[in-house]
Amino acid sequence: MKREDKAFLCCFIIVLILAILRAQTYCDYMEQQEETNRIVKELQERSTEVDHTDIR
């Protein structure tokens, strides 16, 4: 195997690993955003319930 081929293969593997890590980070971020949105929605619903209770 030529030296250039080995260097290319090494670079390709490094880029592949970085892409996988980036995809995993993005998935974790999206899961965190979904959880945050769920919590905010739940708090807004509770706040609305309390506001309606205070009006009566």
PDB file of N, CA and C in Angstrom:
ATOM      1  N   MET A   1       0.848  -1.171   0.000  1.00  0.00           N
ATOM      2  CA  MET A   1       0.000   0.000   0.000  1.00  0.00           C
ATOM      3  C   MET A   1       0.900   1.243   0.000  1.00  0.00           C
ATOM      4  N   LYS A   2       0.574   2.199  -0.846  1.00  0.00           N
ATOM      5  CA  LYS A   2       1.386   3.406  -0.952  1.00  0.00           C
ATOM      6  C   LYS A   2       1.203   4.288   0.275  1.00  0.00           C
ATOM      7  N   ARG A   3       2.189   5.110   0.513  1.00  0.00           N
ATOM      8  CA  ARG A   3       2.142   6.019   1.667  1.00  0.00           C
ATOM      9  C   ARG A   3       0.968   6.999   1.543  1.00  0.00           C
ATOM     10  N   GLU A   4       0.718   7.466   0.318  1.00  0.00           N
ATOM     11  CA  GLU A   4      -0.387   8.392   0.092  1.00  0.00           C
ATOM     12  C   GLU A   4      -1.733   7.726   0.386  1.00  0.00           C
ATOM     13  N   ASP A   5      -1.840   6.470   0.032  1.00  0.00           N
ATOM     14  CA  ASP A   5      -3.068   5.733   0.294  1.00  0.00           C
ATOM     15  C   ASP A   5      -3.298   5.573   1.791  1.00  0.00           C
ATOM     16  N   LYS A   6      -2.236   5.298   2.520  1.00  0.00           N
ATOM     17  CA  LYS A   6      -2.346   5.155   3.973  1.00  0.00           C
ATOM     18  C   LYS A   6      -2.752   6.478   4.618  1.00  0.00           C
ATOM     19  N   ALA A   7      -2.168   7.577   4.144  1.00  0.00           N
ATOM     20  CA  ALA A   7      -2.505   8.901   4.684  1.00  0.00           C
ATOM     21  C   ALA A   7      -3.963   9.239   4.388  1.00  0.00           C
ATOM     22  N   PHE A   8      -4.403   8.946   3.163  1.00  0.00           N
ATOM     23  CA  PHE A   8      -5.795   9.197   2.795  1.00  0.00           C
ATOM     24  C   PHE A   8      -6.742   8.384   3.662  1.00  0.00           C
ATOM     25  N   LEU A   9      -6.428   7.126   3.844  1.00  0.00           N
ATOM     26  CA  LEU A   9      -7.262   6.252   4.659  1.00  0.00           C
ATOM     27  C   LEU A   9      -7.322   6.747   6.103  1.00  0.00           C
ATOM     28  N   CYS A  10      -6.197   7.166   6.632  1.00  0.00           N
ATOM     29  CA  CYS A  10      -6.143   7.693   7.990  1.00  0.00           C
ATOM     30  C   CYS A  10      -7.008   8.953   8.121  1.00  0.00           C
ATOM     31  N   CYS A  11      -6.874   9.860   7.179  1.00  0.00           N
ATOM     32  CA  CYS A  11      -7.676  11.086   7.194  1.00  0.00           C
ATOM     33  C   CYS A  11      -9.162  10.771   7.054  1.00  0.00           C
ATOM     34  N   PHE A  12      -9.477   9.828   6.191  1.00  0.00           N
ATOM     35  CA  PHE A  12     -10.875   9.442   5.995  1.00  0.00           C
ATOM     36  C   PHE A  12     -11.477   8.893   7.292  1.00  0.00           C
ATOM     37  N   ILE A  13     -10.729   8.056   7.988  1.00  0.00           N
ATOM     38  CA  ILE A  13     -11.209   7.486   9.250  1.00  0.00           C
ATOM     39  C   ILE A  13     -11.402   8.584  10.299  1.00  0.00           C
ATOM     40  N   ILE A  14     -10.475   9.526  10.358  1.00  0.00           N
ATOM     41  CA  ILE A  14     -10.608  10.626  11.314  1.00  0.00           C
ATOM     42  C   ILE A  14     -11.848  11.467  11.009  1.00  0.00           C
ATOM     43  N   VAL A  15     -12.058  11.782   9.735  1.00  0.00           N
ATOM     44  CA  VAL A  15     -13.243  12.552   9.341  1.00  0.00           C
ATOM     45  C   VAL A  15     -14.512  11.778   9.662  1.00  0.00           C
ATOM     46  N   LEU A  16     -14.505  10.486   9.430  1.00  0.00           N
ATOM     47  CA  LEU A  16     -15.664   9.653   9.731  1.00  0.00           C
ATOM     48  C   LEU A  16     -15.979   9.661  11.229  1.00  0.00           C
ATOM     49  N   ILE A  17     -14.954   9.521  12.047  1.00  0.00           N
ATOM     50  CA  ILE A  17     -15.141   9.554  13.506  1.00  0.00           C
ATOM     51  C   ILE A  17     -15.700  10.905  13.940  1.00  0.00           C
ATOM     52  N   LEU A  18     -15.157  11.983  13.400  1.00  0.00           N
ATOM     53  CA  LEU A  18     -15.652  13.324  13.748  1.00  0.00           C
ATOM     54  C   LEU A  18     -17.110  13.511  13.327  1.00  0.00           C
ATOM     55  N   ALA A  19     -17.471  12.993  12.174  1.00  0.00           N
ATOM     56  CA  ALA A  19     -18.853  13.098  11.710  1.00  0.00           C
ATOM     57  C   ALA A  19     -19.797  12.322  12.625  1.00  0.00           C
ATOM     58  N   ILE A  20     -19.381  11.154  13.061  1.00  0.00           N
ATOM     59  CA  ILE A  20     -20.204  10.352  13.977  1.00  0.00           C
ATOM     60  C   ILE A  20     -20.371  11.074  15.310  1.00  0.00           C
ATOM     61  N   LEU A  21     -19.284  11.634  15.814  1.00  0.00           N
ATOM     62  CA  LEU A  21     -19.368  12.377  17.074  1.00  0.00           C
ATOM     63  C   LEU A  21     -20.282  13.595  16.935  1.00  0.00           C
ATOM     64  N   ARG A  22     -20.201  14.277  15.813  1.00  0.00           N
ATOM     65  CA  ARG A  22     -21.055  15.453  15.577  1.00  0.00           C
ATOM     66  C   ARG A  22     -22.517  15.034  15.509  1.00  0.00           C
ATOM     67  N   ALA A  23     -22.811  13.944  14.854  1.00  0.00           N
ATOM     68  CA  ALA A  23     -24.188  13.459  14.756  1.00  0.00           C
ATOM     69  C   ALA A  23     -24.718  13.081  16.133  1.00  0.00           C
ATOM     70  N   GLN A  24     -23.893  12.431  16.939  1.00  0.00           N
ATOM     71  CA  GLN A  24     -24.308  12.048  18.288  1.00  0.00           C
ATOM     72  C   GLN A  24     -24.579  13.285  19.139  1.00  0.00           C
ATOM     73  N   THR A  25     -23.718  14.287  19.022  1.00  0.00           N
ATOM     74  CA  THR A  25     -23.903  15.529  19.770  1.00  0.00           C
ATOM     75  C   THR A  25     -25.202  16.207  19.362  1.00  0.00           C
ATOM     76  N   TYR A  26     -25.496  16.220  18.061  1.00  0.00           N
ATOM     77  CA  TYR A  26     -26.722  16.832  17.572  1.00  0.00           C
ATOM     78  C   TYR A  26     -27.955  16.085  18.093  1.00  0.00           C
ATOM     79  N   CYS A  27     -27.897  14.768  18.109  1.00  0.00           N
ATOM     80  CA  CYS A  27     -29.015  13.977  18.627  1.00  0.00           C
ATOM     81  C   CYS A  27     -29.240  14.263  20.108  1.00  0.00           C
ATOM     82  N   ASP A  28     -28.163  14.339  20.873  1.00  0.00           N
ATOM     83  CA  ASP A  28     -28.281  14.662  22.294  1.00  0.00           C
ATOM     84  C   ASP A  28     -28.887  16.045  22.491  1.00  0.00           C
ATOM     85  N   TYR A  29     -28.472  17.002  21.672  1.00  0.00           N
ATOM     86  CA  TYR A  29     -28.992  18.366  21.748  1.00  0.00           C
ATOM     87  C   TYR A  29     -30.496  18.371  21.448  1.00  0.00           C
ATOM     88  N   MET A  30     -30.916  17.656  20.422  1.00  0.00           N
ATOM     89  CA  MET A  30     -32.332  17.627  20.063  1.00  0.00           C
ATOM     90  C   MET A  30     -33.168  16.977  21.160  1.00  0.00           C
ATOM     91  N   GLU A  31     -32.661  15.924  21.788  1.00  0.00           N
ATOM     92  CA  GLU A  31     -33.369  15.296  22.901  1.00  0.00           C
ATOM     93  C   GLU A  31     -33.515  16.274  24.059  1.00  0.00           C
ATOM     94  N   GLN A  32     -32.464  17.019  24.332  1.00  0.00           N
ATOM     95  CA  GLN A  32     -32.502  18.005  25.409  1.00  0.00           C
ATOM     96  C   GLN A  32     -33.514  19.111  25.083  1.00  0.00           C
ATOM     97  N   GLN A  33     -33.562  19.545  23.831  1.00  0.00           N
ATOM     98  CA  GLN A  33     -34.515  20.571  23.429  1.00  0.00           C
ATOM     99  C   GLN A  33     -35.951  20.075  23.581  1.00  0.00           C
ATOM    100  N   GLU A  34     -36.200  18.834  23.198  1.00  0.00           N
ATOM    101  CA  GLU A  34     -37.541  18.270  23.343  1.00  0.00           C
ATOM    102  C   GLU A  34     -37.955  18.226  24.806  1.00  0.00           C
ATOM    103  N   GLU A  35     -37.042  17.829  25.678  1.00  0.00           N
ATOM    104  CA  GLU A  35     -37.334  17.774  27.105  1.00  0.00           C
ATOM    105  C   GLU A  35     -37.596  19.183  27.650  1.00  0.00           C
ATOM    106  N   THR A  36     -36.801  20.133  27.230  1.00  0.00           N
ATOM    107  CA  THR A  36     -36.995  21.522  27.671  1.00  0.00           C
ATOM    108  C   THR A  36     -38.348  22.040  27.195  1.00  0.00           C
ATOM    109  N   ASN A  37     -38.692  21.786  25.959  1.00  0.00           N
ATOM    110  CA  ASN A  37     -39.988  22.229  25.429  1.00  0.00           C
ATOM    111  C   ASN A  37     -41.140  21.581  26.180  1.00  0.00           C
ATOM    112  N   ARG A  38     -40.998  20.311  26.526  1.00  0.00           N
ATOM    113  CA  ARG A  38     -42.048  19.627  27.270  1.00  0.00           C
ATOM    114  C   ARG A  38     -42.231  20.266  28.644  1.00  0.00           C
ATOM    115  N   ILE A  39     -41.122  20.573  29.323  1.00  0.00           N
ATOM    116  CA  ILE A  39     -41.196  21.174  30.647  1.00  0.00           C
ATOM    117  C   ILE A  39     -41.817  22.567  30.574  1.00  0.00           C
ATOM    118  N   VAL A  40     -41.405  23.358  29.588  1.00  0.00           N
ATOM    119  CA  VAL A  40     -41.955  24.708  29.434  1.00  0.00           C
ATOM    120  C   VAL A  40     -43.452  24.643  29.163  1.00  0.00           C
ATOM    121  N   LYS A  41     -43.873  23.732  28.307  1.00  0.00           N
ATOM    122  CA  LYS A  41     -45.302  23.588  27.997  1.00  0.00           C
ATOM    123  C   LYS A  41     -46.080  23.199  29.251  1.00  0.00           C
ATOM    124  N   GLU A  42     -45.523  22.267  30.031  1.00  0.00           N
ATOM    125  CA  GLU A  42     -46.179  21.839  31.266  1.00  0.00           C
ATOM    126  C   GLU A  42     -46.290  23.011  32.251  1.00  0.00           C
ATOM    127  N   LEU A  43     -45.250  23.797  32.386  1.00  0.00           N
ATOM    128  CA  LEU A  43     -45.286  24.952  33.283  1.00  0.00           C
ATOM    129  C   LEU A  43     -46.283  26.005  32.801  1.00  0.00           C
ATOM    130  N   GLN A  44     -46.371  26.192  31.493  1.00  0.00           N
ATOM    131  CA  GLN A  44     -47.344  27.138  30.953  1.00  0.00           C
ATOM    132  C   GLN A  44     -48.765  26.671  31.230  1.00  0.00           C
ATOM    133  N   GLU A  45     -49.005  25.371  31.100  1.00  0.00           N
ATOM    134  CA  GLU A  45     -50.339  24.834  31.381  1.00  0.00           C
ATOM    135  C   GLU A  45     -50.691  25.013  32.856  1.00  0.00           C
ATOM    136  N   ARG A  46     -49.742  24.742  33.734  1.00  0.00           N
ATOM    137  CA  ARG A  46     -49.982  24.923  35.168  1.00  0.00           C
ATOM    138  C   ARG A  46     -50.232  26.384  35.495  1.00  0.00           C
ATOM    139  N   SER A  47     -49.486  27.269  34.870  1.00  0.00           N
ATOM    140  CA  SER A  47     -49.655  28.696  35.093  1.00  0.00           C
ATOM    141  C   SER A  47     -51.043  29.138  34.648  1.00  0.00           C
ATOM    142  N   THR A  48     -51.497  28.622  33.512  1.00  0.00           N
ATOM    143  CA  THR A  48     -52.832  28.945  33.009  1.00  0.00           C
ATOM    144  C   THR A  48     -53.894  28.435  33.968  1.00  0.00           C
ATOM    145  N   GLU A  49     -53.711  27.231  34.509  1.00  0.00           N
ATOM    146  CA  GLU A  49     -54.658  26.683  35.470  1.00  0.00           C
ATOM    147  C   GLU A  49     -54.731  27.550  36.716  1.00  0.00           C
ATOM    148  N   VAL A  50     -53.597  28.008  37.196  1.00  0.00           N
ATOM    149  CA  VAL A  50     -53.566  28.866  38.384  1.00  0.00           C
ATOM    150  C   VAL A  50     -54.237  30.196  38.089  1.00  0.00           C
ATOM    151  N   ASP A  51     -54.005  30.768  36.907  1.00  0.00           N
ATOM    152  CA  ASP A  51     -54.638  32.025  36.535  1.00  0.00           C
ATOM    153  C   ASP A  51     -56.146  31.877  36.506  1.00  0.00           C
ATOM    154  N   HIS A  52     -56.651  30.774  35.978  1.00  0.00           N
ATOM    155  CA  HIS A  52     -58.088  30.552  35.930  1.00  0.00           C
ATOM    156  C   HIS A  52     -58.659  30.358  37.334  1.00  0.00           C
ATOM    157  N   THR A  53     -57.915  29.744  38.197  1.00  0.00           N
ATOM    158  CA  THR A  53     -58.358  29.530  39.575  1.00  0.00           C
ATOM    159  C   THR A  53     -58.450  30.869  40.310  1.00  0.00           C
ATOM    160  N   ASP A  54     -57.485  31.746  40.089  1.00  0.00           N
ATOM    161  CA  ASP A  54     -57.482  33.058  40.748  1.00  0.00           C
ATOM    162  C   ASP A  54     -58.627  33.933  40.299  1.00  0.00           C
ATOM    163  N   ILE A  55     -59.078  33.777  39.073  1.00  0.00           N
ATOM    164  CA  ILE A  55     -60.149  34.622  38.523  1.00  0.00           C
ATOM    165  C   ILE A  55     -61.479  34.304  39.199  1.00  0.00           C
ATOM    166  N   ARG A  56     -61.708  33.073  39.537  1.00  0.00           N
ATOM    167  CA  ARG A  56     -63.003  32.655  40.104  1.00  0.00           C
ATOM    168  C   ARG A  56     -63.166  33.172  41.452  1.00  0.00           C
TER     169      ARG A  56
END
